[in-house]
Amino acid sequence: MSDPNNYKATAVQTPTAPPCSVDTESQTPATGGTQTQNPPVAGTGVGRFIERWKREDMLKKGCFGLRCIALLFSLFAFIIMASNKHGDWRDFDKYDEYRYLLAIAILSTLYTILLVLIQVYQLSTNKEIFSRKNSAFLDFFGDQLMAYLLLSAASSAVPLTNRMRENNDNIFTDSSASAIGMEFVAFLAMAVSAIVSGYKLSKQTYI
């Protein structure tokens, strides 16, 4: 008879598999997990640059249009007042207010002609004559000063013209009133141009 103790000792032992190493680097994260990375958005910086470039181009064209309007009405005021000579007391050069209005009309015409020529050159060649820093300062202060002078000249001639028209409403007073109106329109154009120039100046990165 076989000994039961020997039977227990000779029991078959099942071999165990060796532990397998887990390669954590090759594992991919679960699709339903929270460790998801959004791909970088391509072209974001380029889009912002294009948007800024379009805005600056629109502001340049807006200033160009406003200065053309100021040039046109300053020239009209200059021509009307310079030809407002009808003999005796109906000559503009006998009144300081009208001489001042004519002088500012000439100055505004020359100033806007210079700016329009510069902007035509810049828009056609896409080249800057002055640096952006100097151009922003010159535009802002030049437009502001010219708008003040236009308003000052037109306002100084209004009381004199009103007094004359109370007694004698003729071609001389009508021409004077027309020149004053032209100069007021030129002032409005230069005032809006000064506001746009101030906005451009505030957007400069060096401030």
N, C-alpha and C. Protein backbone atom coordinates (compact mmCIF):
# COMPACT_ATOMS: atom_id res chain seq x y z
N MET A 1 0.83 -1.18 0.00
CA MET A 1 0.00 0.00 0.00
C MET A 1 0.87 1.24 0.00
N SER A 2 0.38 2.22 -0.66
CA SER A 2 1.15 3.46 -0.74
C SER A 2 0.88 4.32 0.45
N ASP A 3 1.93 5.01 0.84
CA ASP A 3 1.83 5.88 2.02
C ASP A 3 1.21 7.20 1.60
N PRO A 4 0.13 7.63 2.24
CA PRO A 4 -0.49 8.92 1.87
C PRO A 4 0.42 10.09 2.08
N ASN A 5 1.34 10.00 3.01
CA ASN A 5 2.27 11.13 3.24
C ASN A 5 3.19 11.31 2.04
N ASN A 6 3.63 10.15 1.47
CA ASN A 6 4.47 10.26 0.29
C ASN A 6 3.71 10.84 -0.89
N TYR A 7 2.43 10.54 -0.98
CA TYR A 7 1.58 11.07 -2.05
C TYR A 7 1.48 12.58 -1.98
N LYS A 8 1.37 13.14 -0.75
CA LYS A 8 1.31 14.59 -0.60
C LYS A 8 2.62 15.24 -0.96
N ALA A 9 3.73 14.56 -0.65
CA ALA A 9 5.04 15.15 -0.91
C ALA A 9 5.33 15.21 -2.38
N THR A 10 4.82 14.23 -3.13
CA THR A 10 5.13 14.16 -4.55
C THR A 10 4.06 14.82 -5.41
N ALA A 11 3.27 15.66 -4.80
CA ALA A 11 2.22 16.35 -5.58
C ALA A 11 2.85 17.25 -6.64
N VAL A 12 2.20 17.33 -7.78
CA VAL A 12 2.72 18.11 -8.91
C VAL A 12 2.55 19.59 -8.64
N GLN A 13 3.65 20.30 -8.73
CA GLN A 13 3.62 21.76 -8.53
C GLN A 13 3.47 22.44 -9.89
N THR A 14 2.46 23.32 -9.98
CA THR A 14 2.19 24.04 -11.23
C THR A 14 3.17 25.19 -11.39
N PRO A 15 3.90 25.23 -12.49
CA PRO A 15 4.86 26.35 -12.68
C PRO A 15 4.13 27.67 -12.87
N THR A 16 4.68 28.72 -12.30
CA THR A 16 4.09 30.07 -12.41
C THR A 16 4.85 30.87 -13.47
N ALA A 17 4.10 31.69 -14.18
CA ALA A 17 4.71 32.49 -15.25
C ALA A 17 5.50 33.63 -14.65
N PRO A 18 6.65 33.96 -15.23
CA PRO A 18 7.46 35.08 -14.70
C PRO A 18 6.71 36.40 -14.89
N PRO A 19 6.92 37.36 -13.97
CA PRO A 19 6.22 38.67 -14.10
C PRO A 19 6.71 39.40 -15.34
N CYS A 20 5.75 39.92 -16.07
CA CYS A 20 6.10 40.65 -17.30
C CYS A 20 6.26 42.12 -16.98
N SER A 21 7.24 42.72 -17.60
CA SER A 21 7.49 44.15 -17.38
C SER A 21 6.54 44.97 -18.22
N VAL A 22 6.02 45.99 -17.63
CA VAL A 22 5.04 46.85 -18.30
C VAL A 22 5.77 48.07 -18.86
N ASP A 23 5.65 48.28 -20.15
CA ASP A 23 6.27 49.44 -20.80
C ASP A 23 5.29 50.61 -20.74
N THR A 24 5.54 51.49 -19.75
CA THR A 24 4.62 52.61 -19.55
C THR A 24 4.73 53.66 -20.63
N GLU A 25 5.88 53.68 -21.33
CA GLU A 25 6.07 54.70 -22.35
C GLU A 25 5.25 54.42 -23.59
N SER A 26 5.03 53.07 -23.84
CA SER A 26 4.32 52.72 -25.06
C SER A 26 2.82 52.71 -24.89
N GLN A 27 2.34 52.91 -23.65
CA GLN A 27 0.90 52.90 -23.44
C GLN A 27 0.29 54.22 -23.89
N THR A 28 -0.88 54.14 -24.46
CA THR A 28 -1.60 55.32 -24.91
C THR A 28 -2.69 55.63 -23.93
N PRO A 29 -2.95 56.92 -23.66
CA PRO A 29 -3.99 57.26 -22.70
C PRO A 29 -5.36 56.88 -23.22
N ALA A 30 -6.25 56.61 -22.29
CA ALA A 30 -7.62 56.23 -22.65
C ALA A 30 -8.31 57.38 -23.34
N THR A 31 -9.12 56.99 -24.29
CA THR A 31 -9.82 58.01 -25.06
C THR A 31 -10.83 58.76 -24.22
N GLY A 32 -11.35 58.15 -23.22
CA GLY A 32 -12.36 58.82 -22.40
C GLY A 32 -11.79 59.56 -21.22
N GLY A 33 -10.43 59.60 -21.07
CA GLY A 33 -9.81 60.27 -19.93
C GLY A 33 -9.80 61.77 -20.10
N THR A 34 -9.25 62.42 -19.09
CA THR A 34 -9.20 63.88 -19.09
C THR A 34 -7.87 64.41 -19.58
N GLN A 35 -6.88 63.50 -19.85
CA GLN A 35 -5.56 63.94 -20.27
C GLN A 35 -5.53 64.10 -21.79
N THR A 36 -6.28 65.07 -22.28
CA THR A 36 -6.30 65.37 -23.71
C THR A 36 -5.65 66.71 -23.95
N GLN A 37 -4.88 66.82 -24.98
CA GLN A 37 -4.18 68.06 -25.33
C GLN A 37 -4.74 68.60 -26.63
N ASN A 38 -5.13 69.89 -26.62
CA ASN A 38 -5.61 70.52 -27.83
C ASN A 38 -4.45 70.88 -28.73
N PRO A 39 -4.54 70.62 -29.99
CA PRO A 39 -3.45 70.99 -30.90
C PRO A 39 -3.30 72.49 -30.97
N PRO A 40 -2.09 73.02 -31.12
CA PRO A 40 -1.90 74.47 -31.21
C PRO A 40 -2.61 75.05 -32.41
N VAL A 41 -3.24 76.15 -32.19
CA VAL A 41 -3.98 76.80 -33.25
C VAL A 41 -2.98 77.50 -34.16
N ALA A 42 -2.92 77.06 -35.38
CA ALA A 42 -1.97 77.64 -36.33
C ALA A 42 -2.56 78.90 -36.94
N GLY A 43 -1.70 79.92 -37.14
CA GLY A 43 -2.14 81.11 -37.82
C GLY A 43 -2.77 82.17 -36.95
N THR A 44 -2.77 81.97 -35.61
CA THR A 44 -3.39 82.97 -34.74
C THR A 44 -2.62 84.29 -34.79
N GLY A 45 -1.29 84.24 -34.68
CA GLY A 45 -0.48 85.45 -34.76
C GLY A 45 -0.58 86.12 -36.12
N VAL A 46 -0.64 85.32 -37.17
CA VAL A 46 -0.76 85.87 -38.52
C VAL A 46 -2.10 86.57 -38.69
N GLY A 47 -3.16 85.96 -38.14
CA GLY A 47 -4.48 86.58 -38.23
C GLY A 47 -4.55 87.91 -37.52
N ARG A 48 -3.94 87.97 -36.33
CA ARG A 48 -3.92 89.24 -35.60
C ARG A 48 -3.13 90.29 -36.36
N PHE A 49 -2.03 89.88 -36.97
CA PHE A 49 -1.22 90.84 -37.73
C PHE A 49 -2.00 91.38 -38.92
N ILE A 50 -2.70 90.49 -39.63
CA ILE A 50 -3.49 90.93 -40.78
C ILE A 50 -4.61 91.86 -40.36
N GLU A 51 -5.25 91.54 -39.23
CA GLU A 51 -6.33 92.40 -38.74
C GLU A 51 -5.80 93.79 -38.37
N ARG A 52 -4.64 93.82 -37.71
CA ARG A 52 -4.04 95.10 -37.34
C ARG A 52 -3.61 95.87 -38.59
N TRP A 53 -3.08 95.17 -39.57
CA TRP A 53 -2.65 95.83 -40.80
C TRP A 53 -3.84 96.44 -41.53
N LYS A 54 -4.96 95.73 -41.59
CA LYS A 54 -6.15 96.25 -42.24
C LYS A 54 -6.67 97.48 -41.51
N ARG A 55 -6.63 97.46 -40.15
CA ARG A 55 -7.11 98.60 -39.38
C ARG A 55 -6.23 99.81 -39.63
N GLU A 56 -4.91 99.62 -39.64
CA GLU A 56 -4.00 100.74 -39.89
C GLU A 56 -4.18 101.28 -41.31
N ASP A 57 -4.39 100.39 -42.27
CA ASP A 57 -4.60 100.84 -43.65
C ASP A 57 -5.90 101.64 -43.77
N MET A 58 -6.93 101.22 -43.05
CA MET A 58 -8.20 101.95 -43.09
C MET A 58 -8.05 103.33 -42.46
N LEU A 59 -7.27 103.42 -41.35
CA LEU A 59 -7.05 104.71 -40.71
C LEU A 59 -6.25 105.64 -41.62
N LYS A 60 -5.28 105.10 -42.32
CA LYS A 60 -4.49 105.92 -43.25
C LYS A 60 -5.38 106.49 -44.36
N LYS A 61 -6.22 105.64 -44.91
CA LYS A 61 -7.11 106.11 -45.98
C LYS A 61 -8.14 107.10 -45.45
N GLY A 62 -8.59 106.90 -44.20
CA GLY A 62 -9.53 107.84 -43.61
C GLY A 62 -8.91 109.21 -43.42
N CYS A 63 -7.68 109.24 -42.90
CA CYS A 63 -6.97 110.52 -42.75
C CYS A 63 -6.72 111.17 -44.11
N PHE A 64 -6.42 110.36 -45.09
CA PHE A 64 -6.19 110.90 -46.43
C PHE A 64 -7.45 111.57 -46.97
N GLY A 65 -8.60 110.93 -46.81
CA GLY A 65 -9.86 111.51 -47.28
C GLY A 65 -10.21 112.79 -46.53
N LEU A 66 -10.01 112.80 -45.21
CA LEU A 66 -10.32 114.00 -44.42
C LEU A 66 -9.42 115.17 -44.81
N ARG A 67 -8.16 114.89 -45.07
CA ARG A 67 -7.25 115.96 -45.46
C ARG A 67 -7.53 116.47 -46.86
N CYS A 68 -8.03 115.59 -47.72
CA CYS A 68 -8.45 116.07 -49.05
C CYS A 68 -9.64 117.01 -48.93
N ILE A 69 -10.57 116.69 -48.03
CA ILE A 69 -11.72 117.58 -47.80
C ILE A 69 -11.25 118.92 -47.24
N ALA A 70 -10.34 118.87 -46.25
CA ALA A 70 -9.81 120.11 -45.68
C ALA A 70 -9.07 120.93 -46.73
N LEU A 71 -8.32 120.27 -47.58
CA LEU A 71 -7.61 120.97 -48.67
C LEU A 71 -8.60 121.64 -49.61
N LEU A 72 -9.63 120.94 -49.99
CA LEU A 72 -10.60 121.48 -50.94
C LEU A 72 -11.29 122.72 -50.39
N PHE A 73 -11.78 122.65 -49.15
CA PHE A 73 -12.53 123.77 -48.59
C PHE A 73 -11.61 124.92 -48.16
N SER A 74 -10.39 124.62 -47.76
CA SER A 74 -9.43 125.69 -47.49
C SER A 74 -9.09 126.45 -48.76
N LEU A 75 -8.96 125.71 -49.86
CA LEU A 75 -8.68 126.36 -51.14
C LEU A 75 -9.86 127.22 -51.58
N PHE A 76 -11.08 126.72 -51.38
CA PHE A 76 -12.26 127.51 -51.72
C PHE A 76 -12.32 128.80 -50.89
N ALA A 77 -12.04 128.67 -49.58
CA ALA A 77 -12.06 129.85 -48.72
C ALA A 77 -11.01 130.86 -49.15
N PHE A 78 -9.84 130.37 -49.53
CA PHE A 78 -8.77 131.25 -50.00
C PHE A 78 -9.18 131.98 -51.28
N ILE A 79 -9.72 131.25 -52.26
CA ILE A 79 -10.09 131.85 -53.53
C ILE A 79 -11.22 132.87 -53.35
N ILE A 80 -12.23 132.50 -52.57
CA ILE A 80 -13.38 133.40 -52.40
C ILE A 80 -12.97 134.68 -51.68
N MET A 81 -12.19 134.54 -50.62
CA MET A 81 -11.80 135.73 -49.87
C MET A 81 -10.80 136.58 -50.64
N ALA A 82 -9.88 135.97 -51.35
CA ALA A 82 -8.90 136.74 -52.12
C ALA A 82 -9.55 137.53 -53.25
N SER A 83 -10.63 137.03 -53.78
CA SER A 83 -11.33 137.75 -54.86
C SER A 83 -12.44 138.65 -54.36
N ASN A 84 -12.56 138.78 -53.04
CA ASN A 84 -13.64 139.58 -52.47
C ASN A 84 -13.22 141.06 -52.37
N LYS A 85 -13.05 141.67 -53.52
CA LYS A 85 -12.68 143.08 -53.60
C LYS A 85 -13.61 143.77 -54.59
N HIS A 86 -14.44 144.65 -54.05
CA HIS A 86 -15.47 145.29 -54.88
C HIS A 86 -15.43 146.82 -54.76
N GLY A 87 -14.33 147.36 -54.31
CA GLY A 87 -14.16 148.80 -54.25
C GLY A 87 -14.72 149.43 -52.98
N ASP A 88 -14.09 150.56 -52.62
CA ASP A 88 -14.50 151.34 -51.44
C ASP A 88 -14.36 150.48 -50.18
N TRP A 89 -15.37 150.45 -49.35
CA TRP A 89 -15.29 149.71 -48.09
C TRP A 89 -15.49 148.21 -48.29
N ARG A 90 -15.82 147.82 -49.53
CA ARG A 90 -16.08 146.40 -49.80
C ARG A 90 -14.84 145.68 -50.31
N ASP A 91 -13.72 145.94 -49.68
CA ASP A 91 -12.47 145.24 -49.95
C ASP A 91 -12.05 144.49 -48.69
N PHE A 92 -11.75 143.21 -48.83
CA PHE A 92 -11.44 142.40 -47.65
C PHE A 92 -10.18 142.87 -46.94
N ASP A 93 -9.20 143.43 -47.69
CA ASP A 93 -7.93 143.79 -47.08
C ASP A 93 -8.02 145.01 -46.18
N LYS A 94 -9.18 145.61 -46.07
CA LYS A 94 -9.36 146.73 -45.15
C LYS A 94 -9.79 146.27 -43.76
N TYR A 95 -9.93 144.97 -43.59
CA TYR A 95 -10.40 144.43 -42.30
C TYR A 95 -9.41 143.37 -41.81
N ASP A 96 -9.00 143.55 -40.57
CA ASP A 96 -8.03 142.61 -39.99
C ASP A 96 -8.59 141.19 -39.92
N GLU A 97 -9.87 141.06 -39.61
CA GLU A 97 -10.48 139.73 -39.48
C GLU A 97 -10.43 138.96 -40.80
N TYR A 98 -10.68 139.65 -41.89
CA TYR A 98 -10.68 138.98 -43.19
C TYR A 98 -9.26 138.68 -43.65
N ARG A 99 -8.32 139.55 -43.33
CA ARG A 99 -6.93 139.25 -43.67
C ARG A 99 -6.43 138.04 -42.87
N TYR A 100 -6.84 137.97 -41.62
CA TYR A 100 -6.46 136.81 -40.79
C TYR A 100 -7.09 135.53 -41.36
N LEU A 101 -8.35 135.61 -41.77
CA LEU A 101 -9.02 134.44 -42.35
C LEU A 101 -8.32 134.00 -43.63
N LEU A 102 -7.92 134.96 -44.47
CA LEU A 102 -7.22 134.61 -45.70
C LEU A 102 -5.86 133.98 -45.41
N ALA A 103 -5.14 134.51 -44.44
CA ALA A 103 -3.82 133.97 -44.11
C ALA A 103 -3.92 132.53 -43.62
N ILE A 104 -4.90 132.24 -42.78
CA ILE A 104 -5.06 130.87 -42.28
C ILE A 104 -5.53 129.94 -43.39
N ALA A 105 -6.36 130.45 -44.30
CA ALA A 105 -6.79 129.63 -45.43
C ALA A 105 -5.59 129.24 -46.30
N ILE A 106 -4.68 130.20 -46.52
CA ILE A 106 -3.47 129.89 -47.30
C ILE A 106 -2.60 128.88 -46.55
N LEU A 107 -2.43 129.08 -45.25
CA LEU A 107 -1.61 128.16 -44.45
C LEU A 107 -2.20 126.75 -44.43
N SER A 108 -3.52 126.68 -44.28
CA SER A 108 -4.17 125.37 -44.27
C SER A 108 -4.06 124.68 -45.63
N THR A 109 -4.17 125.47 -46.69
CA THR A 109 -4.04 124.89 -48.03
C THR A 109 -2.65 124.31 -48.25
N LEU A 110 -1.62 125.05 -47.86
CA LEU A 110 -0.25 124.56 -48.01
C LEU A 110 0.01 123.33 -47.13
N TYR A 111 -0.49 123.37 -45.91
CA TYR A 111 -0.29 122.24 -44.98
C TYR A 111 -0.95 120.97 -45.51
N THR A 112 -2.19 121.08 -45.94
CA THR A 112 -2.90 119.89 -46.42
C THR A 112 -2.35 119.40 -47.75
N ILE A 113 -1.88 120.32 -48.61
CA ILE A 113 -1.24 119.88 -49.86
C ILE A 113 -0.01 119.04 -49.56
N LEU A 114 0.80 119.48 -48.60
CA LEU A 114 2.00 118.74 -48.22
C LEU A 114 1.64 117.36 -47.69
N LEU A 115 0.65 117.29 -46.81
CA LEU A 115 0.27 116.00 -46.23
C LEU A 115 -0.33 115.07 -47.28
N VAL A 116 -1.15 115.62 -48.15
CA VAL A 116 -1.76 114.79 -49.20
C VAL A 116 -0.69 114.22 -50.14
N LEU A 117 0.27 115.04 -50.52
CA LEU A 117 1.35 114.55 -51.39
C LEU A 117 2.16 113.45 -50.70
N ILE A 118 2.44 113.65 -49.40
CA ILE A 118 3.18 112.62 -48.66
C ILE A 118 2.39 111.32 -48.60
N GLN A 119 1.10 111.42 -48.33
CA GLN A 119 0.29 110.20 -48.23
C GLN A 119 0.08 109.53 -49.57
N VAL A 120 -0.02 110.32 -50.64
CA VAL A 120 -0.10 109.72 -51.98
C VAL A 120 1.16 108.92 -52.27
N TYR A 121 2.31 109.47 -51.92
CA TYR A 121 3.57 108.76 -52.13
C TYR A 121 3.62 107.49 -51.29
N GLN A 122 3.20 107.57 -50.03
CA GLN A 122 3.25 106.40 -49.16
C GLN A 122 2.28 105.32 -49.60
N LEU A 123 1.08 105.70 -50.00
CA LEU A 123 0.09 104.71 -50.43
C LEU A 123 0.46 104.07 -51.77
N SER A 124 1.13 104.82 -52.64
CA SER A 124 1.47 104.28 -53.96
C SER A 124 2.73 103.43 -53.93
N THR A 125 3.69 103.79 -53.08
CA THR A 125 4.96 103.05 -53.02
C THR A 125 5.06 102.13 -51.82
N ASN A 126 4.14 102.26 -50.86
CA ASN A 126 4.17 101.46 -49.63
C ASN A 126 5.48 101.67 -48.86
N LYS A 127 5.99 102.90 -48.90
CA LYS A 127 7.21 103.26 -48.18
C LYS A 127 6.92 104.43 -47.26
N GLU A 128 7.61 104.43 -46.12
CA GLU A 128 7.43 105.49 -45.13
C GLU A 128 8.53 106.53 -45.29
N ILE A 129 8.13 107.81 -45.41
CA ILE A 129 9.12 108.89 -45.47
C ILE A 129 9.71 109.14 -44.09
N PHE A 130 8.84 109.21 -43.09
CA PHE A 130 9.28 109.36 -41.70
C PHE A 130 9.03 108.06 -40.95
N SER A 131 9.69 107.93 -39.82
CA SER A 131 9.42 106.77 -38.97
C SER A 131 8.01 106.88 -38.40
N ARG A 132 7.47 105.76 -37.94
CA ARG A 132 6.11 105.77 -37.41
C ARG A 132 6.00 106.66 -36.17
N LYS A 133 7.06 106.69 -35.40
CA LYS A 133 7.05 107.52 -34.20
C LYS A 133 6.93 109.00 -34.56
N ASN A 134 7.81 109.46 -35.45
CA ASN A 134 7.78 110.87 -35.85
C ASN A 134 6.51 111.21 -36.62
N SER A 135 6.06 110.30 -37.48
CA SER A 135 4.86 110.55 -38.26
C SER A 135 3.63 110.68 -37.37
N ALA A 136 3.53 109.85 -36.34
CA ALA A 136 2.37 109.91 -35.44
C ALA A 136 2.34 111.24 -34.68
N PHE A 137 3.50 111.69 -34.20
CA PHE A 137 3.56 112.95 -33.48
C PHE A 137 3.25 114.14 -34.40
N LEU A 138 3.84 114.14 -35.59
CA LEU A 138 3.62 115.25 -36.51
C LEU A 138 2.16 115.34 -36.95
N ASP A 139 1.56 114.20 -37.24
CA ASP A 139 0.16 114.20 -37.67
C ASP A 139 -0.75 114.72 -36.57
N PHE A 140 -0.54 114.24 -35.35
CA PHE A 140 -1.43 114.62 -34.26
C PHE A 140 -1.32 116.11 -33.94
N PHE A 141 -0.11 116.59 -33.70
CA PHE A 141 0.06 117.98 -33.31
C PHE A 141 -0.19 118.94 -34.48
N GLY A 142 0.18 118.54 -35.70
CA GLY A 142 -0.07 119.39 -36.86
C GLY A 142 -1.56 119.54 -37.14
N ASP A 143 -2.29 118.43 -37.12
CA ASP A 143 -3.73 118.50 -37.35
C ASP A 143 -4.45 119.29 -36.26
N GLN A 144 -4.00 119.09 -35.03
CA GLN A 144 -4.64 119.79 -33.91
C GLN A 144 -4.39 121.30 -34.01
N LEU A 145 -3.18 121.69 -34.31
CA LEU A 145 -2.86 123.11 -34.43
C LEU A 145 -3.62 123.75 -35.59
N MET A 146 -3.67 123.06 -36.73
CA MET A 146 -4.35 123.62 -37.89
C MET A 146 -5.85 123.72 -37.65
N ALA A 147 -6.43 122.75 -36.97
CA ALA A 147 -7.86 122.83 -36.66
C ALA A 147 -8.15 124.02 -35.76
N TYR A 148 -7.28 124.26 -34.79
CA TYR A 148 -7.47 125.42 -33.90
C TYR A 148 -7.38 126.73 -34.68
N LEU A 149 -6.41 126.84 -35.58
CA LEU A 149 -6.25 128.08 -36.36
C LEU A 149 -7.44 128.32 -37.28
N LEU A 150 -7.95 127.27 -37.89
CA LEU A 150 -9.11 127.42 -38.77
C LEU A 150 -10.34 127.88 -37.98
N LEU A 151 -10.55 127.28 -36.83
CA LEU A 151 -11.69 127.69 -36.01
C LEU A 151 -11.52 129.12 -35.51
N SER A 152 -10.30 129.49 -35.13
CA SER A 152 -10.04 130.84 -34.64
C SER A 152 -10.29 131.88 -35.73
N ALA A 153 -9.81 131.60 -36.95
CA ALA A 153 -9.99 132.56 -38.04
C ALA A 153 -11.45 132.71 -38.43
N ALA A 154 -12.16 131.61 -38.53
CA ALA A 154 -13.56 131.68 -38.91
C ALA A 154 -14.39 132.37 -37.83
N SER A 155 -14.11 132.06 -36.58
CA SER A 155 -14.89 132.66 -35.49
C SER A 155 -14.65 134.16 -35.38
N SER A 156 -13.43 134.60 -35.65
CA SER A 156 -13.13 136.04 -35.54
C SER A 156 -13.84 136.86 -36.62
N ALA A 157 -14.13 136.24 -37.76
CA ALA A 157 -14.76 136.98 -38.85
C ALA A 157 -16.29 136.97 -38.79
N VAL A 158 -16.87 136.12 -37.94
CA VAL A 158 -18.33 136.02 -37.87
C VAL A 158 -18.98 137.30 -37.35
N PRO A 159 -18.52 137.88 -36.22
CA PRO A 159 -19.19 139.10 -35.72
C PRO A 159 -19.14 140.26 -36.70
N LEU A 160 -18.01 140.45 -37.36
CA LEU A 160 -17.90 141.54 -38.33
C LEU A 160 -18.88 141.33 -39.49
N THR A 161 -18.96 140.12 -39.99
CA THR A 161 -19.87 139.84 -41.11
C THR A 161 -21.33 140.02 -40.71
N ASN A 162 -21.67 139.60 -39.50
CA ASN A 162 -23.05 139.78 -39.04
C ASN A 162 -23.42 141.25 -38.92
N ARG A 163 -22.51 142.09 -38.43
CA ARG A 163 -22.79 143.53 -38.32
C ARG A 163 -22.98 144.15 -39.70
N MET A 164 -22.15 143.74 -40.65
CA MET A 164 -22.28 144.28 -42.01
C MET A 164 -23.59 143.86 -42.65
N ARG A 165 -24.00 142.65 -42.45
CA ARG A 165 -25.21 142.14 -43.11
C ARG A 165 -26.49 142.74 -42.51
N GLU A 166 -26.38 143.31 -41.31
CA GLU A 166 -27.55 143.99 -40.74
C GLU A 166 -27.89 145.26 -41.51
N ASN A 167 -26.87 145.92 -42.05
CA ASN A 167 -27.09 147.18 -42.77
C ASN A 167 -27.01 147.02 -44.28
N ASN A 168 -26.05 146.24 -44.74
CA ASN A 168 -25.84 146.09 -46.18
C ASN A 168 -25.62 144.61 -46.49
N ASP A 169 -26.62 144.00 -47.05
CA ASP A 169 -26.51 142.61 -47.48
C ASP A 169 -26.25 142.59 -48.98
N ASN A 170 -24.99 142.42 -49.34
CA ASN A 170 -24.61 142.51 -50.75
C ASN A 170 -23.62 141.40 -51.08
N ILE A 171 -23.03 141.50 -52.26
CA ILE A 171 -22.12 140.46 -52.72
C ILE A 171 -20.87 140.36 -51.83
N PHE A 172 -20.46 141.49 -51.28
CA PHE A 172 -19.28 141.47 -50.41
C PHE A 172 -19.55 140.66 -49.14
N THR A 173 -20.65 140.92 -48.48
CA THR A 173 -20.97 140.19 -47.25
C THR A 173 -21.31 138.73 -47.56
N ASP A 174 -21.96 138.50 -48.71
CA ASP A 174 -22.25 137.11 -49.08
C ASP A 174 -20.98 136.31 -49.34
N SER A 175 -20.03 136.93 -50.01
CA SER A 175 -18.75 136.26 -50.26
C SER A 175 -18.00 136.01 -48.97
N SER A 176 -18.04 136.98 -48.07
CA SER A 176 -17.38 136.81 -46.77
C SER A 176 -18.00 135.66 -45.99
N ALA A 177 -19.35 135.60 -46.00
CA ALA A 177 -20.03 134.51 -45.29
C ALA A 177 -19.70 133.15 -45.92
N SER A 178 -19.58 133.11 -47.23
CA SER A 178 -19.22 131.86 -47.91
C SER A 178 -17.82 131.40 -47.53
N ALA A 179 -16.88 132.35 -47.49
CA ALA A 179 -15.51 132.00 -47.11
C ALA A 179 -15.46 131.49 -45.67
N ILE A 180 -16.24 132.13 -44.80
CA ILE A 180 -16.28 131.67 -43.41
C ILE A 180 -16.85 130.26 -43.32
N GLY A 181 -17.93 129.99 -44.07
CA GLY A 181 -18.51 128.65 -44.07
C GLY A 181 -17.55 127.60 -44.59
N MET A 182 -16.81 127.93 -45.64
CA MET A 182 -15.81 126.99 -46.17
C MET A 182 -14.74 126.69 -45.13
N GLU A 183 -14.34 127.71 -44.40
CA GLU A 183 -13.29 127.51 -43.39
C GLU A 183 -13.81 126.69 -42.21
N PHE A 184 -15.07 126.82 -41.87
CA PHE A 184 -15.66 125.99 -40.82
C PHE A 184 -15.67 124.52 -41.24
N VAL A 185 -16.01 124.25 -42.50
CA VAL A 185 -16.01 122.86 -42.97
C VAL A 185 -14.59 122.30 -42.95
N ALA A 186 -13.62 123.11 -43.36
CA ALA A 186 -12.22 122.67 -43.29
C ALA A 186 -11.81 122.39 -41.86
N PHE A 187 -12.29 123.20 -40.92
CA PHE A 187 -12.01 122.95 -39.51
C PHE A 187 -12.56 121.61 -39.06
N LEU A 188 -13.80 121.30 -39.44
CA LEU A 188 -14.41 120.03 -39.04
C LEU A 188 -13.60 118.85 -39.56
N ALA A 189 -13.17 118.94 -40.81
CA ALA A 189 -12.38 117.86 -41.39
C ALA A 189 -11.05 117.70 -40.65
N MET A 190 -10.39 118.81 -40.34
CA MET A 190 -9.12 118.73 -39.63
C MET A 190 -9.31 118.27 -38.18
N ALA A 191 -10.43 118.63 -37.56
CA ALA A 191 -10.68 118.19 -36.18
C ALA A 191 -10.86 116.68 -36.13
N VAL A 192 -11.62 116.12 -37.08
CA VAL A 192 -11.80 114.67 -37.11
C VAL A 192 -10.47 113.98 -37.44
N SER A 193 -9.70 114.58 -38.34
CA SER A 193 -8.38 114.03 -38.66
C SER A 193 -7.46 114.04 -37.43
N ALA A 194 -7.57 115.09 -36.61
CA ALA A 194 -6.77 115.15 -35.39
C ALA A 194 -7.18 114.05 -34.41
N ILE A 195 -8.48 113.75 -34.35
CA ILE A 195 -8.96 112.67 -33.47
C ILE A 195 -8.41 111.32 -33.95
N VAL A 196 -8.46 111.09 -35.25
CA VAL A 196 -7.92 109.85 -35.80
C VAL A 196 -6.41 109.76 -35.56
N SER A 197 -5.72 110.88 -35.74
CA SER A 197 -4.27 110.90 -35.49
C SER A 197 -3.96 110.62 -34.03
N GLY A 198 -4.79 111.15 -33.13
CA GLY A 198 -4.61 110.87 -31.71
C GLY A 198 -4.83 109.40 -31.38
N TYR A 199 -5.80 108.79 -32.03
CA TYR A 199 -6.03 107.34 -31.85
C TYR A 199 -4.83 106.53 -32.33
N LYS A 200 -4.29 106.89 -33.49
CA LYS A 200 -3.11 106.21 -34.01
C LYS A 200 -1.92 106.39 -33.08
N LEU A 201 -1.79 107.58 -32.51
CA LEU A 201 -0.69 107.84 -31.59
C LEU A 201 -0.82 107.01 -30.33
N SER A 202 -2.04 106.84 -29.84
CA SER A 202 -2.26 106.08 -28.60
C SER A 202 -2.00 104.59 -28.81
N LYS A 203 -2.06 104.11 -30.05
CA LYS A 203 -1.85 102.69 -30.33
C LYS A 203 -0.39 102.35 -30.62
N GLN A 204 0.47 103.33 -30.56
CA GLN A 204 1.88 103.05 -30.77
C GLN A 204 2.44 102.25 -29.59
N THR A 205 3.31 101.32 -29.88
CA THR A 205 3.82 100.41 -28.85
C THR A 205 4.83 101.07 -27.93
N TYR A 206 5.40 102.18 -28.34
CA TYR A 206 6.43 102.82 -27.52
C TYR A 206 5.84 103.70 -26.43
N ILE A 207 4.51 103.91 -26.38
CA ILE A 207 3.91 104.75 -25.36
C ILE A 207 3.51 103.90 -24.18
